[in-house]
Protein backbone atom coordinates (compact mmCIF):
# COMPACT_ATOMS: atom_id res chain seq x y z
CA MET A 1 6.23 11.95 -9.41
CA SER A 2 5.85 8.39 -7.51
CA ARG A 3 2.66 7.15 -6.75
CA LEU A 4 0.55 5.10 -4.60
CA TRP A 5 -1.50 2.36 -5.79
CA ALA A 6 -4.07 0.67 -3.97
CA ARG A 7 -6.31 -2.30 -5.05
CA ILE A 8 -9.17 -4.01 -3.01
CA ILE A 9 -9.11 -7.77 -3.34
CA LYS A 10 -12.06 -9.17 -3.49
CA ASP A 11 -12.32 -13.28 -3.70
CA HIS A 12 -8.99 -13.26 -5.02
CA ARG A 13 -10.23 -10.26 -7.95
CA ILE A 14 -9.38 -7.09 -7.90
CA ASP A 15 -12.42 -5.41 -7.13
CA THR A 16 -11.47 -1.73 -7.44
CA GLN A 17 -8.07 0.27 -7.93
CA ASP A 18 -7.03 3.46 -8.34
CA THR A 19 -3.40 5.80 -7.50
CA ARG A 20 -2.36 9.11 -6.21
CA PRO A 21 0.33 10.93 -6.47
CA CYS A 22 2.94 10.66 -3.67
CA ASN A 23 6.30 11.03 -1.92
CA TRP A 24 8.06 8.30 -0.30
CA GLY A 25 7.37 9.01 3.49
CA GLU A 26 4.03 11.02 2.91
CA GLU A 27 1.58 7.88 2.54
CA SER A 28 -0.65 8.79 4.82
CA GLU A 29 -2.78 11.72 3.09
CA ALA A 30 -2.29 9.63 -0.24
CA LEU A 31 -3.93 6.68 1.63
CA THR A 32 -6.34 8.99 3.42
CA GLU A 33 -7.38 9.87 -0.14
CA LEU A 34 -7.58 6.43 -1.54
CA CYS A 35 -10.31 5.21 1.64
CA LYS A 36 -12.13 8.67 0.56
CA ALA A 37 -12.41 7.27 -2.78
CA PHE A 38 -12.88 3.89 -2.43
CA ASP A 39 -15.91 4.81 0.37
CA ILE A 40 -14.05 2.57 2.73
CA PRO A 41 -12.83 3.21 6.18
CA ARG A 42 -9.38 3.84 6.92
CA PRO A 43 -7.08 0.61 8.13
CA ILE A 44 -5.12 0.84 11.29
CA TRP A 45 -1.66 1.60 10.50
CA LEU A 46 0.50 -1.19 12.23
CA PRO A 47 4.39 -1.57 13.02
CA LYS A 48 3.52 -4.71 10.69
CA HIS A 49 2.49 -2.67 8.37
CA GLU A 50 5.32 -0.48 8.45
CA ARG A 51 8.18 -2.81 8.57
CA GLU A 52 6.59 -4.64 5.17
CA TYR A 53 6.05 -1.05 3.58
CA GLU A 54 9.68 -0.19 4.33
CA SER A 55 11.13 -3.45 3.09
CA PHE A 56 8.72 -4.13 0.42
CA ARG A 57 7.26 -0.91 -0.13
CA ARG A 58 3.84 -2.71 -0.43
CA THR A 59 2.05 -4.09 2.67
CA ALA A 60 -2.04 -5.52 2.39
CA PHE A 61 -4.98 -4.69 5.19
CA LEU A 62 -7.01 -7.33 6.03
CA PRO A 63 -10.74 -7.05 7.17
CA GLU A 64 -9.61 -7.01 11.10
CA HIS A 65 -7.26 -4.09 10.76
CA PHE A 66 -9.90 -2.01 10.02
CA VAL A 67 -12.76 -0.64 13.13
CA GLU A 68 -15.39 -1.23 10.90
CA GLU A 69 -16.69 -3.66 8.94
CA VAL A 70 -15.62 -4.22 5.28
CA GLU A 71 -16.97 -6.25 2.56
CA PHE A 72 -13.37 -7.39 0.56
CA ASP A 73 -10.85 -9.90 1.22
CA ARG A 74 -7.64 -7.23 1.48
CA LEU A 75 -6.85 -3.82 0.44
CA GLU A 76 -3.25 -3.83 -0.68
CA ILE A 77 -1.22 -0.48 -0.78
CA GLU A 78 2.44 -0.19 -3.40
CA PHE A 79 4.49 2.75 -3.84
CA LEU A 80 5.79 3.03 -7.35
CA ASP A 81 8.56 4.99 -8.25
CA ASP A 82 8.46 6.74 -11.36
CA THR A 83 12.04 8.22 -11.80
CA GLY A 84 13.17 4.84 -13.22
CA LYS A 85 15.82 3.92 -10.98
CA LYS A 86 16.63 0.25 -9.82
CA ARG A 87 16.87 -0.51 -6.52
CA ARG A 88 19.73 -2.51 -5.48
CA SER A 89 19.08 -5.24 -2.90
CA GLN A 90 20.96 -4.27 0.95
CA ASP A 91 21.98 -7.80 0.93
CA PRO A 92 25.64 -8.44 1.44
CA ARG A 93 25.47 -12.01 -0.42
CA ASN A 94 24.44 -9.75 -3.63
CA GLN A 95 27.56 -7.62 -3.06
CA PHE A 96 29.98 -8.87 -5.72
């Protein structure tokens, strides 16, 4: 089973972190659960976050991505694949 790892960064240090079971493409529900566990509002998911998440399997939310005021520097989420498969780069320069 794969997981969504979320961590709250405050003053360049991990303040709080947790994981939730999550399948690829179902991160919205896991993010909502993590925000409830952290007792923070849910961030606004912008096209920028969608691109970063699709490309790198991770993205970060800054305080301006929340409707309510938050007391941390950023919320980072990352998709952790537990299947053990190595992802290959889609860059054609790596095809040899």
